[in-house]
Amino acid sequence: MSDTGEGIPQEALPHIWERFYTRRSGRTTDRNQSGLGLTITRYLVELMHGRIHVESVIGEGTTFTLRFPLLGTHTTQKSF
């Protein structure tokens, strides 16, 4: 998924996965933003054994890439 918005500064990228983080305030106090969207998204992607990656350029936009294993290719370790 890509957009052509304002982009995310490189120094903010490591923090976008943190609960309650918003780029504008560091920690959200805005009632319209929970700061949970990307945290929840990352959790769900990882729960399905996937990966999420972000690239962003100021003034050009942001791209999120999600990758999931092919059905039946994920192996789990079983203990008996």
PDB file of N, CA and C in Angstrom:
ATOM      1  N   MET A   1       0.845  -1.148   0.000  1.00  0.00           N
ATOM      2  CA  MET A   1       0.000   0.000   0.000  1.00  0.00           C
ATOM      3  C   MET A   1       0.903   1.227   0.000  1.00  0.00           C
ATOM      4  N   SER A   2       0.609   2.163  -0.844  1.00  0.00           N
ATOM      5  CA  SER A   2       1.396   3.395  -0.948  1.00  0.00           C
ATOM      6  C   SER A   2       0.483   4.605  -0.929  1.00  0.00           C
ATOM      7  N   ASP A   3       1.039   5.716  -0.497  1.00  0.00           N
ATOM      8  CA  ASP A   3       0.324   6.976  -0.614  1.00  0.00           C
ATOM      9  C   ASP A   3       1.297   8.031  -1.139  1.00  0.00           C
ATOM     10  N   THR A   4       0.773   9.168  -1.474  1.00  0.00           N
ATOM     11  CA  THR A   4       1.608  10.260  -1.966  1.00  0.00           C
ATOM     12  C   THR A   4       1.509  11.441  -1.006  1.00  0.00           C
ATOM     13  N   GLY A   5       1.386  11.129   0.274  1.00  0.00           N
ATOM     14  CA  GLY A   5       1.259  12.161   1.300  1.00  0.00           C
ATOM     15  C   GLY A   5       2.584  12.808   1.632  1.00  0.00           C
ATOM     16  N   GLU A   6       2.644  13.387   2.814  1.00  0.00           N
ATOM     17  CA  GLU A   6       3.823  14.153   3.219  1.00  0.00           C
ATOM     18  C   GLU A   6       5.012  13.290   3.607  1.00  0.00           C
ATOM     19  N   GLY A   7       4.806  12.011   3.849  1.00  0.00           N
ATOM     20  CA  GLY A   7       5.895  11.115   4.235  1.00  0.00           C
ATOM     21  C   GLY A   7       6.160  11.143   5.727  1.00  0.00           C
ATOM     22  N   ILE A   8       6.977  10.212   6.174  1.00  0.00           N
ATOM     23  CA  ILE A   8       7.327  10.090   7.590  1.00  0.00           C
ATOM     24  C   ILE A   8       8.825  10.318   7.711  1.00  0.00           C
ATOM     25  N   PRO A   9       9.252  11.201   8.600  1.00  0.00           N
ATOM     26  CA  PRO A   9      10.696  11.427   8.766  1.00  0.00           C
ATOM     27  C   PRO A   9      11.413  10.144   9.188  1.00  0.00           C
ATOM     28  N   GLN A  10      12.632   9.969   8.722  1.00  0.00           N
ATOM     29  CA  GLN A  10      13.408   8.765   9.021  1.00  0.00           C
ATOM     30  C   GLN A  10      13.556   8.544  10.531  1.00  0.00           C
ATOM     31  N   GLU A  11      13.717   9.599  11.291  1.00  0.00           N
ATOM     32  CA  GLU A  11      13.897   9.443  12.733  1.00  0.00           C
ATOM     33  C   GLU A  11      12.624   8.967  13.434  1.00  0.00           C
ATOM     34  N   ALA A  12      11.460   9.119  12.784  1.00  0.00           N
ATOM     35  CA  ALA A  12      10.196   8.673  13.374  1.00  0.00           C
ATOM     36  C   ALA A  12       9.884   7.218  13.040  1.00  0.00           C
ATOM     37  N   LEU A  13      10.461   6.696  11.966  1.00  0.00           N
ATOM     38  CA  LEU A  13      10.114   5.348  11.511  1.00  0.00           C
ATOM     39  C   LEU A  13      10.254   4.255  12.571  1.00  0.00           C
ATOM     40  N   PRO A  14      11.308   4.222  13.374  1.00  0.00           N
ATOM     41  CA  PRO A  14      11.394   3.157  14.380  1.00  0.00           C
ATOM     42  C   PRO A  14      10.278   3.217  15.429  1.00  0.00           C
ATOM     43  N   HIS A  15       9.651   4.371  15.582  1.00  0.00           N
ATOM     44  CA  HIS A  15       8.654   4.562  16.630  1.00  0.00           C
ATOM     45  C   HIS A  15       7.219   4.321  16.178  1.00  0.00           C
ATOM     46  N   ILE A  16       6.976   4.226  14.877  1.00  0.00           N
ATOM     47  CA  ILE A  16       5.592   4.134  14.399  1.00  0.00           C
ATOM     48  C   ILE A  16       4.888   2.868  14.851  1.00  0.00           C
ATOM     49  N   TRP A  17       5.639   1.861  15.286  1.00  0.00           N
ATOM     50  CA  TRP A  17       5.043   0.595  15.737  1.00  0.00           C
ATOM     51  C   TRP A  17       4.688   0.634  17.226  1.00  0.00           C
ATOM     52  N   GLU A  18       5.101   1.677  17.942  1.00  0.00           N
ATOM     53  CA  GLU A  18       4.864   1.774  19.383  1.00  0.00           C
ATOM     54  C   GLU A  18       3.410   2.154  19.678  1.00  0.00           C
ATOM     55  N   ARG A  19       2.875   1.570  20.741  1.00  0.00           N
ATOM     56  CA  ARG A  19       1.511   1.909  21.150  1.00  0.00           C
ATOM     57  C   ARG A  19       1.420   3.389  21.502  1.00  0.00           C
ATOM     58  N   PHE A  20       0.362   4.019  21.047  1.00  0.00           N
ATOM     59  CA  PHE A  20       0.011   5.415  21.338  1.00  0.00           C
ATOM     60  C   PHE A  20       0.954   6.430  20.703  1.00  0.00           C
ATOM     61  N   TYR A  21       1.829   6.000  19.813  1.00  0.00           N
ATOM     62  CA  TYR A  21       2.743   6.941  19.159  1.00  0.00           C
ATOM     63  C   TYR A  21       2.057   7.592  17.970  1.00  0.00           C
ATOM     64  N   THR A  22       2.182   8.896  17.879  1.00  0.00           N
ATOM     65  CA  THR A  22       1.808   9.628  16.665  1.00  0.00           C
ATOM     66  C   THR A  22       2.969  10.535  16.324  1.00  0.00           C
ATOM     67  N   ARG A  23       3.196  10.721  15.078  1.00  0.00           N
ATOM     68  CA  ARG A  23       4.354  11.503  14.634  1.00  0.00           C
ATOM     69  C   ARG A  23       4.291  12.949  15.094  1.00  0.00           C
ATOM     70  N   ARG A  24       3.123  13.499  15.150  1.00  0.00           N
ATOM     71  CA  ARG A  24       2.993  14.910  15.499  1.00  0.00           C
ATOM     72  C   ARG A  24       3.380  15.199  16.952  1.00  0.00           C
ATOM     73  N   SER A  25       3.010  14.294  17.852  1.00  0.00           N
ATOM     74  CA  SER A  25       3.208  14.599  19.272  1.00  0.00           C
ATOM     75  C   SER A  25       4.160  13.638  19.983  1.00  0.00           C
ATOM     76  N   GLY A  26       4.602  12.604  19.312  1.00  0.00           N
ATOM     77  CA  GLY A  26       5.412  11.591  19.990  1.00  0.00           C
ATOM     78  C   GLY A  26       4.529  10.596  20.713  1.00  0.00           C
ATOM     79  N   ARG A  27       3.693  11.065  21.555  1.00  0.00           N
ATOM     80  CA  ARG A  27       2.660  10.254  22.206  1.00  0.00           C
ATOM     81  C   ARG A  27       1.356  11.011  22.019  1.00  0.00           C
ATOM     82  N   THR A  28       0.313  10.305  21.652  1.00  0.00           N
ATOM     83  CA  THR A  28      -0.914  10.982  21.260  1.00  0.00           C
ATOM     84  C   THR A  28      -1.715  11.522  22.451  1.00  0.00           C
ATOM     85  N   THR A  29      -2.249  12.709  22.283  1.00  0.00           N
ATOM     86  CA  THR A  29      -3.233  13.264  23.208  1.00  0.00           C
ATOM     87  C   THR A  29      -4.449  13.718  22.405  1.00  0.00           C
ATOM     88  N   ASP A  30      -4.376  13.563  21.096  1.00  0.00           N
ATOM     89  CA  ASP A  30      -5.460  13.940  20.191  1.00  0.00           C
ATOM     90  C   ASP A  30      -6.587  12.913  20.293  1.00  0.00           C
ATOM     91  N   ARG A  31      -7.790  13.359  20.524  1.00  0.00           N
ATOM     92  CA  ARG A  31      -8.927  12.447  20.657  1.00  0.00           C
ATOM     93  C   ARG A  31      -9.267  11.736  19.356  1.00  0.00           C
ATOM     94  N   ASN A  32      -8.813  12.254  18.225  1.00  0.00           N
ATOM     95  CA  ASN A  32      -9.119  11.634  16.941  1.00  0.00           C
ATOM     96  C   ASN A  32      -8.083  10.598  16.536  1.00  0.00           C
ATOM     97  N   GLN A  33      -7.003  10.476  17.281  1.00  0.00           N
ATOM     98  CA  GLN A  33      -5.948   9.517  16.970  1.00  0.00           C
ATOM     99  C   GLN A  33      -5.652   8.690  18.203  1.00  0.00           C
ATOM    100  N   SER A  34      -5.686   7.371  18.039  1.00  0.00           N
ATOM    101  CA  SER A  34      -5.383   6.516  19.190  1.00  0.00           C
ATOM    102  C   SER A  34      -3.913   6.136  19.227  1.00  0.00           C
ATOM    103  N   GLY A  35      -3.240   6.185  18.074  1.00  0.00           N
ATOM    104  CA  GLY A  35      -1.855   5.746  18.035  1.00  0.00           C
ATOM    105  C   GLY A  35      -1.726   4.243  18.139  1.00  0.00           C
ATOM    106  N   LEU A  36      -2.794   3.523  17.812  1.00  0.00           N
ATOM    107  CA  LEU A  36      -2.790   2.069  17.913  1.00  0.00           C
ATOM    108  C   LEU A  36      -2.858   1.354  16.572  1.00  0.00           C
ATOM    109  N   GLY A  37      -3.198   2.044  15.515  1.00  0.00           N
ATOM    110  CA  GLY A  37      -3.433   1.404  14.218  1.00  0.00           C
ATOM    111  C   GLY A  37      -2.267   0.568  13.715  1.00  0.00           C
ATOM    112  N   LEU A  38      -1.074   1.139  13.673  1.00  0.00           N
ATOM    113  CA  LEU A  38       0.075   0.392  13.159  1.00  0.00           C
ATOM    114  C   LEU A  38       0.550  -0.670  14.141  1.00  0.00           C
ATOM    115  N   THR A  39       0.368  -0.425  15.438  1.00  0.00           N
ATOM    116  CA  THR A  39       0.714  -1.430  16.438  1.00  0.00           C
ATOM    117  C   THR A  39      -0.152  -2.673  16.249  1.00  0.00           C
ATOM    118  N   ILE A  40      -1.440  -2.473  16.083  1.00  0.00           N
ATOM    119  CA  ILE A  40      -2.375  -3.582  15.885  1.00  0.00           C
ATOM    120  C   ILE A  40      -2.096  -4.275  14.550  1.00  0.00           C
ATOM    121  N   THR A  41      -1.859  -3.491  13.507  1.00  0.00           N
ATOM    122  CA  THR A  41      -1.568  -4.069  12.194  1.00  0.00           C
ATOM    123  C   THR A  41      -0.343  -4.971  12.252  1.00  0.00           C
ATOM    124  N   ARG A  42       0.731  -4.473  12.857  1.00  0.00           N
ATOM    125  CA  ARG A  42       1.957  -5.278  12.953  1.00  0.00           C
ATOM    126  C   ARG A  42       1.706  -6.563  13.749  1.00  0.00           C
ATOM    127  N   TYR A  43       0.970  -6.456  14.841  1.00  0.00           N
ATOM    128  CA  TYR A  43       0.659  -7.625  15.654  1.00  0.00           C
ATOM    129  C   TYR A  43      -0.092  -8.672  14.825  1.00  0.00           C
ATOM    130  N   LEU A  44      -1.111  -8.243  14.088  1.00  0.00           N
ATOM    131  CA  LEU A  44      -1.902  -9.189  13.286  1.00  0.00           C
ATOM    132  C   LEU A  44      -1.080  -9.813  12.164  1.00  0.00           C
ATOM    133  N   VAL A  45      -0.248  -9.010  11.506  1.00  0.00           N
ATOM    134  CA  VAL A  45       0.610  -9.537  10.436  1.00  0.00           C
ATOM    135  C   VAL A  45       1.551 -10.596  11.002  1.00  0.00           C
ATOM    136  N   GLU A  46       2.178 -10.311  12.131  1.00  0.00           N
ATOM    137  CA  GLU A  46       3.107 -11.263  12.737  1.00  0.00           C
ATOM    138  C   GLU A  46       2.384 -12.496  13.260  1.00  0.00           C
ATOM    139  N   LEU A  47       1.157 -12.333  13.726  1.00  0.00           N
ATOM    140  CA  LEU A  47       0.355 -13.460  14.176  1.00  0.00           C
ATOM    141  C   LEU A  47       0.108 -14.445  13.029  1.00  0.00           C
ATOM    142  N   MET A  48       0.028 -13.921  11.819  1.00  0.00           N
ATOM    143  CA  MET A  48      -0.159 -14.760  10.626  1.00  0.00           C
ATOM    144  C   MET A  48       1.174 -15.129   9.978  1.00  0.00           C
ATOM    145  N   HIS A  49       2.264 -14.983  10.748  1.00  0.00           N
ATOM    146  CA  HIS A  49       3.618 -15.342  10.308  1.00  0.00           C
ATOM    147  C   HIS A  49       4.097 -14.496   9.140  1.00  0.00           C
ATOM    148  N   GLY A  50       3.568 -13.276   9.050  1.00  0.00           N
ATOM    149  CA  GLY A  50       3.971 -12.358   7.990  1.00  0.00           C
ATOM    150  C   GLY A  50       4.949 -11.318   8.497  1.00  0.00           C
ATOM    151  N   ARG A  51       5.307 -10.443   7.589  1.00  0.00           N
ATOM    152  CA  ARG A  51       6.215  -9.336   7.907  1.00  0.00           C
ATOM    153  C   ARG A  51       5.651  -8.061   7.299  1.00  0.00           C
ATOM    154  N   ILE A  52       5.924  -6.956   7.962  1.00  0.00           N
ATOM    155  CA  ILE A  52       5.514  -5.654   7.445  1.00  0.00           C
ATOM    156  C   ILE A  52       6.749  -4.761   7.400  1.00  0.00           C
ATOM    157  N   HIS A  53       6.870  -4.017   6.323  1.00  0.00           N
ATOM    158  CA  HIS A  53       8.026  -3.151   6.103  1.00  0.00           C
ATOM    159  C   HIS A  53       7.516  -1.795   5.639  1.00  0.00           C
ATOM    160  N   VAL A  54       8.210  -0.738   6.051  1.00  0.00           N
ATOM    161  CA  VAL A  54       7.805   0.610   5.654  1.00  0.00           C
ATOM    162  C   VAL A  54       8.992   1.345   5.032  1.00  0.00           C
ATOM    163  N   GLU A  55       8.711   2.092   3.995  1.00  0.00           N
ATOM    164  CA  GLU A  55       9.672   3.004   3.376  1.00  0.00           C
ATOM    165  C   GLU A  55       8.958   4.335   3.200  1.00  0.00           C
ATOM    166  N   SER A  56       9.660   5.417   3.474  1.00  0.00           N
ATOM    167  CA  SER A  56       9.022   6.722   3.361  1.00  0.00           C
ATOM    168  C   SER A  56      10.029   7.767   2.928  1.00  0.00           C
ATOM    169  N   VAL A  57       9.549   8.682   2.092  1.00  0.00           N
ATOM    170  CA  VAL A  57      10.363   9.810   1.630  1.00  0.00           C
ATOM    171  C   VAL A  57       9.554  11.073   1.876  1.00  0.00           C
ATOM    172  N   ILE A  58      10.136  11.998   2.602  1.00  0.00           N
ATOM    173  CA  ILE A  58       9.454  13.266   2.893  1.00  0.00           C
ATOM    174  C   ILE A  58       9.085  13.951   1.581  1.00  0.00           C
ATOM    175  N   GLY A  59       7.841  14.375   1.497  1.00  0.00           N
ATOM    176  CA  GLY A  59       7.354  15.076   0.313  1.00  0.00           C
ATOM    177  C   GLY A  59       6.927  14.157  -0.825  1.00  0.00           C
ATOM    178  N   GLU A  60       7.173  12.864  -0.697  1.00  0.00           N
ATOM    179  CA  GLU A  60       6.799  11.924  -1.767  1.00  0.00           C
ATOM    180  C   GLU A  60       5.789  10.887  -1.315  1.00  0.00           C
ATOM    181  N   GLY A  61       5.826  10.492  -0.038  1.00  0.00           N
ATOM    182  CA  GLY A  61       4.858   9.528   0.448  1.00  0.00           C
ATOM    183  C   GLY A  61       5.487   8.347   1.164  1.00  0.00           C
ATOM    184  N   THR A  62       4.620   7.389   1.490  1.00  0.00           N
ATOM    185  CA  THR A  62       5.008   6.227   2.285  1.00  0.00           C
ATOM    186  C   THR A  62       4.483   4.960   1.633  1.00  0.00           C
ATOM    187  N   THR A  63       5.279   3.895   1.716  1.00  0.00           N
ATOM    188  CA  THR A  63       4.877   2.588   1.206  1.00  0.00           C
ATOM    189  C   THR A  63       5.023   1.559   2.308  1.00  0.00           C
ATOM    190  N   PHE A  64       3.946   0.837   2.568  1.00  0.00           N
ATOM    191  CA  PHE A  64       3.963  -0.298   3.484  1.00  0.00           C
ATOM    192  C   PHE A  64       3.878  -1.561   2.645  1.00  0.00           C
ATOM    193  N   THR A  65       4.769  -2.495   2.904  1.00  0.00           N
ATOM    194  CA  THR A  65       4.785  -3.770   2.195  1.00  0.00           C
ATOM    195  C   THR A  65       4.512  -4.879   3.202  1.00  0.00           C
ATOM    196  N   LEU A  66       3.533  -5.705   2.902  1.00  0.00           N
ATOM    197  CA  LEU A  66       3.206  -6.848   3.747  1.00  0.00           C
ATOM    198  C   LEU A  66       3.552  -8.113   2.988  1.00  0.00           C
ATOM    199  N   ARG A  67       4.195  -9.054   3.677  1.00  0.00           N
ATOM    200  CA  ARG A  67       4.546 -10.338   3.072  1.00  0.00           C
ATOM    201  C   ARG A  67       4.046 -11.445   3.982  1.00  0.00           C
ATOM    202  N   PHE A  68       3.429 -12.431   3.360  1.00  0.00           N
ATOM    203  CA  PHE A  68       2.915 -13.581   4.085  1.00  0.00           C
ATOM    204  C   PHE A  68       3.451 -14.853   3.446  1.00  0.00           C
ATOM    205  N   PRO A  69       3.668 -15.901   4.257  1.00  0.00           N
ATOM    206  CA  PRO A  69       4.128 -17.158   3.679  1.00  0.00           C
ATOM    207  C   PRO A  69       3.019 -17.784   2.838  1.00  0.00           C
ATOM    208  N   LEU A  70       3.422 -18.563   1.862  1.00  0.00           N
ATOM    209  CA  LEU A  70       2.443 -19.285   1.058  1.00  0.00           C
ATOM    210  C   LEU A  70       1.710 -20.284   1.937  1.00  0.00           C
ATOM    211  N   LEU A  71       0.467 -20.521   1.639  1.00  0.00           N
ATOM    212  CA  LEU A  71      -0.346 -21.458   2.400  1.00  0.00           C
ATOM    213  C   LEU A  71       0.321 -22.828   2.426  1.00  0.00           C
ATOM    214  N   GLY A  72       0.498 -23.358   3.609  1.00  0.00           N
ATOM    215  CA  GLY A  72       1.079 -24.690   3.744  1.00  0.00           C
ATOM    216  C   GLY A  72       2.591 -24.721   3.810  1.00  0.00           C
ATOM    217  N   THR A  73       3.261 -23.567   3.689  1.00  0.00           N
ATOM    218  CA  THR A  73       4.715 -23.574   3.726  1.00  0.00           C
ATOM    219  C   THR A  73       5.273 -23.238   5.093  1.00  0.00           C
ATOM    220  N   HIS A  74       4.418 -22.760   6.000  1.00  0.00           N
ATOM    221  CA  HIS A  74       4.889 -22.403   7.336  1.00  0.00           C
ATOM    222  C   HIS A  74       4.985 -23.669   8.174  1.00  0.00           C
ATOM    223  N   THR A  75       6.105 -23.881   8.805  1.00  0.00           N
ATOM    224  CA  THR A  75       6.274 -25.047   9.667  1.00  0.00           C
ATOM    225  C   THR A  75       6.329 -24.592  11.113  1.00  0.00           C
ATOM    226  N   THR A  76       5.744 -25.368  11.963  1.00  0.00           N
ATOM    227  CA  THR A  76       5.798 -25.090  13.385  1.00  0.00           C
ATOM    228  C   THR A  76       6.479 -26.242  14.078  1.00  0.00           C
ATOM    229  N   GLN A  77       7.112 -25.941  15.157  1.00  0.00           N
ATOM    230  CA  GLN A  77       7.790 -26.962  15.928  1.00  0.00           C
ATOM    231  C   GLN A  77       6.795 -27.526  16.938  1.00  0.00           C
ATOM    232  N   LYS A  78       6.666 -28.834  16.965  1.00  0.00           N
ATOM    233  CA  LYS A  78       5.752 -29.464  17.897  1.00  0.00           C
ATOM    234  C   LYS A  78       6.527 -30.209  18.954  1.00  0.00           C
ATOM    235  N   SER A  79       6.064 -30.091  20.167  1.00  0.00           N
ATOM    236  CA  SER A  79       6.678 -30.830  21.279  1.00  0.00           C
ATOM    237  C   SER A  79       5.699 -31.886  21.742  1.00  0.00           C
ATOM    238  N   PHE A  80       6.200 -33.066  21.991  1.00  0.00           N
ATOM    239  CA  PHE A  80       5.347 -34.149  22.489  1.00  0.00           C
ATOM    240  C   PHE A  80       5.796 -34.582  23.854  1.00  0.00           C
TER     241      PHE A  80
END
